[in-house]
């Protein structure tokens, strides 16, 4: 992993975060990522981390937030995770997930919860290799406001 560190995301990471999101099919403008980093940075129940070599562009990122519910104890939920396709299989995703678990323990969360598209078979195998298990299959609905 040649000096890859996991650190909090900064405004300078917005371009790389947008580029990496595009690898998973999500179109987001760098300016929107930058604004959202500012907004999320002001909320104690959200965090964004990147994987990068010192002085280099990020090659992975993870967005975490605490999911509070009437139905369960607080959970760490993943708002997103991606590792550059050129860097996959090098342990970066594992380190980002370890960061999620550490962050959650610090906030007294009882579990990590994530969703992944049914077509991302490699991601399913990755999560299962880390001890995660599939607990639900569901439909996702969206309505623009």
C-alpha atoms as a PDB file:
ATOM      1  CA  UNK A   1       0.000   0.000   0.000  1.00  0.00           C
ATOM      2  CA  UNK A   2       3.051   2.233  -0.314  1.00  0.00           C
ATOM      3  CA  UNK A   3       2.391   4.797   2.400  1.00  0.00           C
ATOM      4  CA  UNK A   4      -1.401   4.968   2.079  1.00  0.00           C
ATOM      5  CA  UNK A   5      -2.915   6.631   5.121  1.00  0.00           C
ATOM      6  CA  UNK A   6      -6.534   7.028   6.203  1.00  0.00           C
ATOM      7  CA  UNK A   7      -7.299  10.626   7.141  1.00  0.00           C
ATOM      8  CA  UNK A   8     -10.286  12.958   7.374  1.00  0.00           C
ATOM      9  CA  UNK A   9     -11.333  14.354   4.007  1.00  0.00           C
ATOM     10  CA  UNK A  10     -10.510  17.969   3.194  1.00  0.00           C
ATOM     11  CA  UNK A  11     -11.840  20.418   0.611  1.00  0.00           C
ATOM     12  CA  UNK A  12      -8.835  19.601  -1.574  1.00  0.00           C
ATOM     13  CA  UNK A  13     -10.145  16.015  -1.840  1.00  0.00           C
ATOM     14  CA  UNK A  14     -13.418  17.033  -3.526  1.00  0.00           C
ATOM     15  CA  UNK A  15     -12.121  16.442  -7.066  1.00  0.00           C
ATOM     16  CA  UNK A  16     -10.849  12.945  -6.256  1.00  0.00           C
ATOM     17  CA  UNK A  17     -14.029  12.044  -4.353  1.00  0.00           C
ATOM     18  CA  UNK A  18     -16.162  13.053  -7.353  1.00  0.00           C
ATOM     19  CA  UNK A  19     -13.876  11.127  -9.732  1.00  0.00           C
ATOM     20  CA  UNK A  20     -14.044   8.004  -7.595  1.00  0.00           C
ATOM     21  CA  UNK A  21     -17.834   8.228  -7.241  1.00  0.00           C
ATOM     22  CA  UNK A  22     -18.048   8.238 -11.043  1.00  0.00           C
ATOM     23  CA  UNK A  23     -16.308   4.849 -11.098  1.00  0.00           C
ATOM     24  CA  UNK A  24     -19.434   3.444  -9.412  1.00  0.00           C
ATOM     25  CA  UNK A  25     -21.790   5.303 -11.745  1.00  0.00           C
ATOM     26  CA  UNK A  26     -22.594   8.279  -9.502  1.00  0.00           C
ATOM     27  CA  UNK A  27     -22.355  11.671 -11.184  1.00  0.00           C
ATOM     28  CA  UNK A  28     -21.563  14.417  -8.711  1.00  0.00           C
ATOM     29  CA  UNK A  29     -19.915  17.766  -9.347  1.00  0.00           C
ATOM     30  CA  UNK A  30     -16.696  18.636  -7.542  1.00  0.00           C
ATOM     31  CA  UNK A  31     -18.320  21.857  -6.281  1.00  0.00           C
ATOM     32  CA  UNK A  32     -21.221  19.858  -4.804  1.00  0.00           C
ATOM     33  CA  UNK A  33     -18.815  17.474  -3.075  1.00  0.00           C
ATOM     34  CA  UNK A  34     -16.916  20.439  -1.674  1.00  0.00           C
ATOM     35  CA  UNK A  35     -20.116  22.015  -0.302  1.00  0.00           C
ATOM     36  CA  UNK A  36     -21.248  18.712   1.200  1.00  0.00           C
ATOM     37  CA  UNK A  37     -17.875  18.171   2.846  1.00  0.00           C
ATOM     38  CA  UNK A  38     -18.314  21.537   4.568  1.00  0.00           C
ATOM     39  CA  UNK A  39     -21.872  20.730   5.652  1.00  0.00           C
ATOM     40  CA  UNK A  40     -21.053  17.213   6.875  1.00  0.00           C
ATOM     41  CA  UNK A  41     -17.959  18.477   8.651  1.00  0.00           C
ATOM     42  CA  UNK A  42     -20.218  20.558  10.875  1.00  0.00           C
ATOM     43  CA  UNK A  43     -22.166  17.511  12.050  1.00  0.00           C
ATOM     44  CA  UNK A  44     -20.672  15.349  14.807  1.00  0.00           C
ATOM     45  CA  UNK A  45     -22.636  12.306  13.596  1.00  0.00           C
ATOM     46  CA  UNK A  46     -21.020  12.346  10.120  1.00  0.00           C
ATOM     47  CA  UNK A  47     -17.469  11.753   8.938  1.00  0.00           C
ATOM     48  CA  UNK A  48     -15.717  11.395   5.611  1.00  0.00           C
ATOM     49  CA  UNK A  49     -12.297   9.753   5.391  1.00  0.00           C
ATOM     50  CA  UNK A  50      -9.997   9.307   2.430  1.00  0.00           C
ATOM     51  CA  UNK A  51      -7.206   6.886   1.677  1.00  0.00           C
ATOM     52  CA  UNK A  52      -4.202   8.664   0.176  1.00  0.00           C
ATOM     53  CA  UNK A  53      -0.444   8.723   0.142  1.00  0.00           C
ATOM     54  CA  UNK A  54       0.935  11.893   1.747  1.00  0.00           C
ATOM     55  CA  UNK A  55       0.746  14.717  -0.804  1.00  0.00           C
ATOM     56  CA  UNK A  56      -1.116  12.548  -3.310  1.00  0.00           C
ATOM     57  CA  UNK A  57      -4.696  12.490  -4.563  1.00  0.00           C
ATOM     58  CA  UNK A  58      -7.122  10.271  -2.673  1.00  0.00           C
ATOM     59  CA  UNK A  59      -7.527   6.741  -4.032  1.00  0.00           C
ATOM     60  CA  UNK A  60     -10.470   5.830  -1.813  1.00  0.00           C
ATOM     61  CA  UNK A  61     -13.077   7.345   0.476  1.00  0.00           C
ATOM     62  CA  UNK A  62     -15.786   6.416   2.949  1.00  0.00           C
ATOM     63  CA  UNK A  63     -18.705   8.444   4.312  1.00  0.00           C
ATOM     64  CA  UNK A  64     -20.014   7.414   7.730  1.00  0.00           C
ATOM     65  CA  UNK A  65     -22.932   8.596   9.797  1.00  0.00           C
ATOM     66  CA  UNK A  66     -24.732   7.505  12.937  1.00  0.00           C
ATOM     67  CA  UNK A  67     -28.185   6.116  12.186  1.00  0.00           C
ATOM     68  CA  UNK A  68     -30.519   6.841  15.092  1.00  0.00           C
ATOM     69  CA  UNK A  69     -33.828   4.983  15.110  1.00  0.00           C
ATOM     70  CA  UNK A  70     -36.734   4.039  17.328  1.00  0.00           C
ATOM     71  CA  UNK A  71     -36.275   0.456  16.160  1.00  0.00           C
ATOM     72  CA  UNK A  72     -32.626  -0.188  17.001  1.00  0.00           C
ATOM     73  CA  UNK A  73     -29.625   1.086  18.907  1.00  0.00           C
ATOM     74  CA  UNK A  74     -27.413   3.606  17.103  1.00  0.00           C
ATOM     75  CA  UNK A  75     -25.589   2.110  14.108  1.00  0.00           C
ATOM     76  CA  UNK A  76     -22.772   3.299  11.919  1.00  0.00           C
ATOM     77  CA  UNK A  77     -24.239   3.573   8.433  1.00  0.00           C
ATOM     78  CA  UNK A  78     -22.198   3.897   5.271  1.00  0.00           C
ATOM     79  CA  UNK A  79     -23.198   6.756   3.022  1.00  0.00           C
ATOM     80  CA  UNK A  80     -20.718   5.451   0.486  1.00  0.00           C
ATOM     81  CA  UNK A  81     -17.367   3.761   0.014  1.00  0.00           C
ATOM     82  CA  UNK A  82     -15.180   3.431  -3.040  1.00  0.00           C
ATOM     83  CA  UNK A  83     -11.602   2.478  -3.798  1.00  0.00           C
ATOM     84  CA  UNK A  84     -10.077   3.409  -7.144  1.00  0.00           C
ATOM     85  CA  UNK A  85     -10.323   0.419  -9.449  1.00  0.00           C
ATOM     86  CA  UNK A  86      -6.554   0.557 -10.010  1.00  0.00           C
ATOM     87  CA  UNK A  87      -5.962   0.134  -6.249  1.00  0.00           C
ATOM     88  CA  UNK A  88      -8.508  -2.542  -5.390  1.00  0.00           C
ATOM     89  CA  UNK A  89      -7.274  -5.736  -3.768  1.00  0.00           C
ATOM     90  CA  UNK A  90      -4.504  -3.955  -1.855  1.00  0.00           C
ATOM     91  CA  UNK A  91      -6.224  -3.719   1.530  1.00  0.00           C
ATOM     92  CA  UNK A  92      -7.395  -0.117   1.212  1.00  0.00           C
ATOM     93  CA  UNK A  93     -11.087  -1.003   1.431  1.00  0.00           C
ATOM     94  CA  UNK A  94     -10.368  -3.144   4.484  1.00  0.00           C
ATOM     95  CA  UNK A  95      -8.621  -0.217   6.163  1.00  0.00           C
ATOM     96  CA  UNK A  96     -11.514   2.118   5.357  1.00  0.00           C
ATOM     97  CA  UNK A  97     -13.950  -0.385   6.877  1.00  0.00           C
ATOM     98  CA  UNK A  98     -11.728  -0.710   9.967  1.00  0.00           C
ATOM     99  CA  UNK A  99     -11.953   3.083  10.274  1.00  0.00           C
ATOM    100  CA  UNK A 100     -15.751   2.805  10.131  1.00  0.00           C
ATOM    101  CA  UNK A 101     -15.745   0.266  12.952  1.00  0.00           C
ATOM    102  CA  UNK A 102     -13.363   2.322  15.093  1.00  0.00           C
ATOM    103  CA  UNK A 103     -15.384   5.486  14.500  1.00  0.00           C
ATOM    104  CA  UNK A 104     -18.581   3.654  15.430  1.00  0.00           C
ATOM    105  CA  UNK A 105     -17.164   2.221  18.648  1.00  0.00           C
ATOM    106  CA  UNK A 106     -16.057   5.724  19.655  1.00  0.00           C
ATOM    107  CA  UNK A 107     -19.695   6.816  19.271  1.00  0.00           C
ATOM    108  CA  UNK A 108     -21.107   3.814  21.155  1.00  0.00           C
ATOM    109  CA  UNK A 109     -22.710   2.316  18.057  1.00  0.00           C
ATOM    110  CA  UNK A 110     -23.655  -1.343  18.224  1.00  0.00           C
ATOM    111  CA  UNK A 111     -23.044  -2.342  14.597  1.00  0.00           C
ATOM    112  CA  UNK A 112     -22.102  -1.185  11.106  1.00  0.00           C
ATOM    113  CA  UNK A 113     -24.883  -1.212   8.530  1.00  0.00           C
ATOM    114  CA  UNK A 114     -24.375  -0.850   4.803  1.00  0.00           C
ATOM    115  CA  UNK A 115     -26.258  -1.306   1.579  1.00  0.00           C
ATOM    116  CA  UNK A 116     -24.780  -2.441  -1.712  1.00  0.00           C
ATOM    117  CA  UNK A 117     -26.238  -2.825  -5.164  1.00  0.00           C
ATOM    118  CA  UNK A 118     -27.246  -6.386  -6.040  1.00  0.00           C
ATOM    119  CA  UNK A 119     -25.007  -6.267  -9.138  1.00  0.00           C
ATOM    120  CA  UNK A 120     -21.807  -5.576  -7.150  1.00  0.00           C
ATOM    121  CA  UNK A 121     -20.847  -9.207  -6.590  1.00  0.00           C
ATOM    122  CA  UNK A 122     -17.191  -8.400  -5.811  1.00  0.00           C
ATOM    123  CA  UNK A 123     -18.334  -5.969  -3.111  1.00  0.00           C
ATOM    124  CA  UNK A 124     -20.562  -8.661  -1.589  1.00  0.00           C
ATOM    125  CA  UNK A 125     -17.626 -11.062  -1.372  1.00  0.00           C
ATOM    126  CA  UNK A 126     -15.450  -8.300   0.102  1.00  0.00           C
ATOM    127  CA  UNK A 127     -17.917  -7.484   2.891  1.00  0.00           C
ATOM    128  CA  UNK A 128     -18.471 -11.139   3.683  1.00  0.00           C
ATOM    129  CA  UNK A 129     -14.684 -11.629   3.942  1.00  0.00           C
ATOM    130  CA  UNK A 130     -14.728  -8.959   6.670  1.00  0.00           C
ATOM    131  CA  UNK A 131     -17.410 -10.791   8.653  1.00  0.00           C
ATOM    132  CA  UNK A 132     -20.464  -8.896   7.421  1.00  0.00           C
ATOM    133  CA  UNK A 133     -23.551 -10.903   6.573  1.00  0.00           C
ATOM    134  CA  UNK A 134     -26.472 -10.175   4.319  1.00  0.00           C
ATOM    135  CA  UNK A 135     -29.483  -9.520   6.546  1.00  0.00           C
ATOM    136  CA  UNK A 136     -32.032  -8.155   4.087  1.00  0.00           C
ATOM    137  CA  UNK A 137     -33.049  -7.875   0.463  1.00  0.00           C
ATOM    138  CA  UNK A 138     -35.224  -4.901  -0.305  1.00  0.00           C
ATOM    139  CA  UNK A 139     -36.427  -2.487  -2.938  1.00  0.00           C
ATOM    140  CA  UNK A 140     -35.210   1.096  -2.923  1.00  0.00           C
ATOM    141  CA  UNK A 141     -37.600   3.888  -3.845  1.00  0.00           C
ATOM    142  CA  UNK A 142     -36.835   7.511  -4.666  1.00  0.00           C
ATOM    143  CA  UNK A 143     -39.011  10.563  -5.236  1.00  0.00           C
ATOM    144  CA  UNK A 144     -37.530  13.882  -6.196  1.00  0.00           C
ATOM    145  CA  UNK A 145     -38.727  16.784  -4.041  1.00  0.00           C
END
